[in-house]
Amino acid sequence: MKGYIVNIEDETKDNTDYRRVLYTSKHSQLVVMSIEPGEEIGEEVHELDQFIRIEKGKAKAVLNKTEEYELKDDWAVVIPAGVWHNVINVGDEPLKIYTIYSPPEHKDGVVQKTKADETEEHFDGVTTE
């Protein structure tokens, strides 16, 4: 195993895909996302922990369906397993985030150009290396 090294700020800000899985290990996964103005990830709950960092833009995070938080550049949120959540782009430019799932959530190498391309391709046990 070699691991994965990247300037995550540049990688996140340069990403134009809705979702791009960068690296998947047995216990975690690194994903960058670009969410268009007015779009959202969508209300969901995982049986895994998730870390989200805002690199560029303005967002509203909704946890447990009722708790709302305003997020902007350099803010992060940790979402424990079992917590309903959503992230909504409330700005006027694409929201640039990276997220770490622990354990992995998506199939390794998934690229979804737009929110409309989103499919449920859950982690199948195959890692990057």
C-alpha atoms as a PDB file:
ATOM      1  CA  MET A   1       0.000   0.000   0.000  1.00  0.00           C
ATOM      2  CA  LYS A   2       1.329   3.405  -0.969  1.00  0.00           C
ATOM      3  CA  GLY A   3      -1.382   5.652   0.443  1.00  0.00           C
ATOM      4  CA  TYR A   4      -2.506   8.859  -1.220  1.00  0.00           C
ATOM      5  CA  ILE A   5      -0.914  12.300  -1.107  1.00  0.00           C
ATOM      6  CA  VAL A   6      -2.525  15.384  -2.629  1.00  0.00           C
ATOM      7  CA  ASN A   7      -2.932  19.109  -2.068  1.00  0.00           C
ATOM      8  CA  ILE A   8      -6.537  18.654  -0.955  1.00  0.00           C
ATOM      9  CA  GLU A   9      -7.382  22.355  -1.118  1.00  0.00           C
ATOM     10  CA  ASP A  10      -6.355  22.601  -4.782  1.00  0.00           C
ATOM     11  CA  GLU A  11      -7.936  19.260  -5.667  1.00  0.00           C
ATOM     12  CA  THR A  12     -11.222  20.301  -4.054  1.00  0.00           C
ATOM     13  CA  LYS A  13     -11.361  23.793  -5.547  1.00  0.00           C
ATOM     14  CA  ASP A  14     -10.391  22.561  -9.038  1.00  0.00           C
ATOM     15  CA  ASN A  15     -12.998  19.778  -9.044  1.00  0.00           C
ATOM     16  CA  THR A  16     -16.036  20.416 -11.246  1.00  0.00           C
ATOM     17  CA  ASP A  17     -17.735  17.024 -10.773  1.00  0.00           C
ATOM     18  CA  TYR A  18     -20.663  16.591  -8.437  1.00  0.00           C
ATOM     19  CA  ARG A  19     -18.854  13.634  -6.850  1.00  0.00           C
ATOM     20  CA  ARG A  20     -15.388  12.190  -7.486  1.00  0.00           C
ATOM     21  CA  VAL A  21     -13.954   9.397  -5.346  1.00  0.00           C
ATOM     22  CA  LEU A  22     -10.226  10.083  -5.035  1.00  0.00           C
ATOM     23  CA  TYR A  23      -9.026   7.259  -2.823  1.00  0.00           C
ATOM     24  CA  THR A  24     -10.518   4.279  -1.055  1.00  0.00           C
ATOM     25  CA  SER A  25      -8.832   2.241   1.651  1.00  0.00           C
ATOM     26  CA  LYS A  26     -10.254  -0.566   3.733  1.00  0.00           C
ATOM     27  CA  HIS A  27     -11.371   1.781   6.530  1.00  0.00           C
ATOM     28  CA  SER A  28     -11.900   5.207   4.914  1.00  0.00           C
ATOM     29  CA  GLN A  29     -12.591   7.020   1.661  1.00  0.00           C
ATOM     30  CA  LEU A  30     -11.697  10.498   0.347  1.00  0.00           C
ATOM     31  CA  VAL A  31     -14.213  12.203  -1.966  1.00  0.00           C
ATOM     32  CA  VAL A  32     -14.420  15.698  -3.486  1.00  0.00           C
ATOM     33  CA  MET A  33     -17.721  17.303  -4.454  1.00  0.00           C
ATOM     34  CA  SER A  34     -18.900  20.392  -6.322  1.00  0.00           C
ATOM     35  CA  ILE A  35     -22.498  21.314  -5.561  1.00  0.00           C
ATOM     36  CA  GLU A  36     -24.197  23.916  -7.746  1.00  0.00           C
ATOM     37  CA  PRO A  37     -26.036  26.929  -6.251  1.00  0.00           C
ATOM     38  CA  GLY A  38     -29.402  25.887  -4.849  1.00  0.00           C
ATOM     39  CA  GLU A  39     -28.533  22.177  -5.026  1.00  0.00           C
ATOM     40  CA  GLU A  40     -28.078  19.872  -2.064  1.00  0.00           C
ATOM     41  CA  ILE A  41     -26.662  16.495  -1.227  1.00  0.00           C
ATOM     42  CA  GLY A  42     -30.124  15.434  -0.137  1.00  0.00           C
ATOM     43  CA  GLU A  43     -31.372  14.254   3.230  1.00  0.00           C
ATOM     44  CA  GLU A  44     -29.686  10.978   4.129  1.00  0.00           C
ATOM     45  CA  VAL A  45     -28.422   8.824   6.948  1.00  0.00           C
ATOM     46  CA  HIS A  46     -25.397   6.523   6.897  1.00  0.00           C
ATOM     47  CA  GLU A  47     -24.283   3.711   9.139  1.00  0.00           C
ATOM     48  CA  LEU A  48     -20.801   5.200   9.044  1.00  0.00           C
ATOM     49  CA  ASP A  49     -19.061   8.349  10.213  1.00  0.00           C
ATOM     50  CA  GLN A  50     -18.598  11.265   7.805  1.00  0.00           C
ATOM     51  CA  PHE A  51     -16.350  14.325   7.927  1.00  0.00           C
ATOM     52  CA  ILE A  52     -17.144  17.253   5.598  1.00  0.00           C
ATOM     53  CA  ARG A  53     -14.962  20.316   5.044  1.00  0.00           C
ATOM     54  CA  ILE A  54     -16.032  23.408   3.117  1.00  0.00           C
ATOM     55  CA  GLU A  55     -13.141  24.674   0.978  1.00  0.00           C
ATOM     56  CA  LYS A  56     -15.110  27.291  -0.949  1.00  0.00           C
ATOM     57  CA  GLY A  57     -18.648  28.606  -0.808  1.00  0.00           C
ATOM     58  CA  LYS A  58     -21.568  28.928   1.589  1.00  0.00           C
ATOM     59  CA  ALA A  59     -23.656  26.045   2.866  1.00  0.00           C
ATOM     60  CA  LYS A  60     -26.353  25.144   5.297  1.00  0.00           C
ATOM     61  CA  ALA A  61     -25.924  21.873   7.151  1.00  0.00           C
ATOM     62  CA  VAL A  62     -29.065  20.303   8.579  1.00  0.00           C
ATOM     63  CA  LEU A  63     -28.548  17.621  11.231  1.00  0.00           C
ATOM     64  CA  ASN A  64     -31.241  15.447  12.793  1.00  0.00           C
ATOM     65  CA  LYS A  65     -33.790  17.111  10.480  1.00  0.00           C
ATOM     66  CA  THR A  66     -34.084  20.181  12.761  1.00  0.00           C
ATOM     67  CA  GLU A  67     -30.662  21.594  13.671  1.00  0.00           C
ATOM     68  CA  GLU A  68     -29.382  24.077  11.073  1.00  0.00           C
ATOM     69  CA  TYR A  69     -25.844  25.466  10.825  1.00  0.00           C
ATOM     70  CA  GLU A  70     -24.375  28.023   8.437  1.00  0.00           C
ATOM     71  CA  LEU A  71     -21.008  26.936   7.031  1.00  0.00           C
ATOM     72  CA  LYS A  72     -18.454  28.764   4.912  1.00  0.00           C
ATOM     73  CA  ASP A  73     -14.831  28.440   3.788  1.00  0.00           C
ATOM     74  CA  ASP A  74     -12.663  26.458   6.231  1.00  0.00           C
ATOM     75  CA  TRP A  75     -15.583  25.136   8.324  1.00  0.00           C
ATOM     76  CA  ALA A  76     -16.055  21.429   8.936  1.00  0.00           C
ATOM     77  CA  VAL A  77     -18.749  19.162  10.290  1.00  0.00           C
ATOM     78  CA  VAL A  78     -18.465  15.638  11.674  1.00  0.00           C
ATOM     79  CA  ILE A  79     -21.569  13.522  11.216  1.00  0.00           C
ATOM     80  CA  PRO A  80     -21.676  10.398  13.381  1.00  0.00           C
ATOM     81  CA  ALA A  81     -23.283   7.215  12.080  1.00  0.00           C
ATOM     82  CA  GLY A  82     -27.066   7.257  12.378  1.00  0.00           C
ATOM     83  CA  VAL A  83     -27.511  11.059  12.136  1.00  0.00           C
ATOM     84  CA  TRP A  84     -29.865  12.333   9.439  1.00  0.00           C
ATOM     85  CA  HIS A  85     -28.117  15.106   7.517  1.00  0.00           C
ATOM     86  CA  ASN A  86     -28.163  17.313   4.454  1.00  0.00           C
ATOM     87  CA  VAL A  87     -25.803  19.937   3.031  1.00  0.00           C
ATOM     88  CA  ILE A  88     -27.333  22.675   0.886  1.00  0.00           C
ATOM     89  CA  ASN A  89     -25.475  25.200  -1.245  1.00  0.00           C
ATOM     90  CA  VAL A  90     -26.949  28.561  -0.176  1.00  0.00           C
ATOM     91  CA  GLY A  91     -24.375  30.635  -2.064  1.00  0.00           C
ATOM     92  CA  ASP A  92     -24.224  31.921  -5.618  1.00  0.00           C
ATOM     93  CA  GLU A  93     -21.206  29.866  -6.727  1.00  0.00           C
ATOM     94  CA  PRO A  94     -20.438  26.138  -6.702  1.00  0.00           C
ATOM     95  CA  LEU A  95     -19.877  24.764  -3.211  1.00  0.00           C
ATOM     96  CA  LYS A  96     -16.509  22.972  -3.051  1.00  0.00           C
ATOM     97  CA  ILE A  97     -16.190  20.335  -0.349  1.00  0.00           C
ATOM     98  CA  TYR A  98     -14.245  17.247   0.480  1.00  0.00           C
ATOM     99  CA  THR A  99     -15.544  14.469   2.622  1.00  0.00           C
ATOM    100  CA  ILE A 100     -14.079  11.465   4.370  1.00  0.00           C
ATOM    101  CA  TYR A 101     -16.287   8.435   4.917  1.00  0.00           C
ATOM    102  CA  SER A 102     -15.252   5.911   7.524  1.00  0.00           C
ATOM    103  CA  PRO A 103     -15.687   3.154   6.440  1.00  0.00           C
ATOM    104  CA  PRO A 104     -16.029   3.769   2.671  1.00  0.00           C
ATOM    105  CA  GLU A 105     -19.479   4.569   1.235  1.00  0.00           C
ATOM    106  CA  HIS A 106     -19.057   4.537  -2.566  1.00  0.00           C
ATOM    107  CA  LYS A 107     -17.440   2.251  -5.119  1.00  0.00           C
ATOM    108  CA  ASP A 108     -13.826   3.221  -5.701  1.00  0.00           C
ATOM    109  CA  GLY A 109     -13.235   5.506  -8.683  1.00  0.00           C
ATOM    110  CA  VAL A 110     -16.843   6.703  -9.010  1.00  0.00           C
ATOM    111  CA  VAL A 111     -17.197   9.956 -10.951  1.00  0.00           C
ATOM    112  CA  GLN A 112     -20.606  11.614 -11.176  1.00  0.00           C
ATOM    113  CA  LYS A 113     -20.451  14.701 -13.372  1.00  0.00           C
ATOM    114  CA  THR A 114     -23.740  16.162 -12.109  1.00  0.00           C
ATOM    115  CA  LYS A 115     -26.271  15.555  -9.339  1.00  0.00           C
ATOM    116  CA  ALA A 116     -28.510  13.991 -12.014  1.00  0.00           C
ATOM    117  CA  ASP A 117     -25.806  11.332 -12.556  1.00  0.00           C
ATOM    118  CA  GLU A 118     -26.008  10.253  -8.913  1.00  0.00           C
ATOM    119  CA  THR A 119     -26.527   6.523  -8.489  1.00  0.00           C
ATOM    120  CA  GLU A 120     -26.369   4.260  -5.471  1.00  0.00           C
ATOM    121  CA  GLU A 121     -23.055   2.543  -6.132  1.00  0.00           C
ATOM    122  CA  HIS A 122     -22.152   1.509  -2.612  1.00  0.00           C
ATOM    123  CA  PHE A 123     -18.698   0.339  -1.600  1.00  0.00           C
ATOM    124  CA  ASP A 124     -18.122  -3.198  -2.821  1.00  0.00           C
ATOM    125  CA  GLY A 125     -14.951  -3.994  -0.877  1.00  0.00           C
ATOM    126  CA  VAL A 126     -12.580  -3.022  -3.708  1.00  0.00           C
ATOM    127  CA  THR A 127      -9.967  -0.468  -2.627  1.00  0.00           C
ATOM    128  CA  THR A 128      -7.790   1.867  -4.703  1.00  0.00           C
ATOM    129  CA  GLU A 129      -4.682  -0.278  -4.189  1.00  0.00           C
END
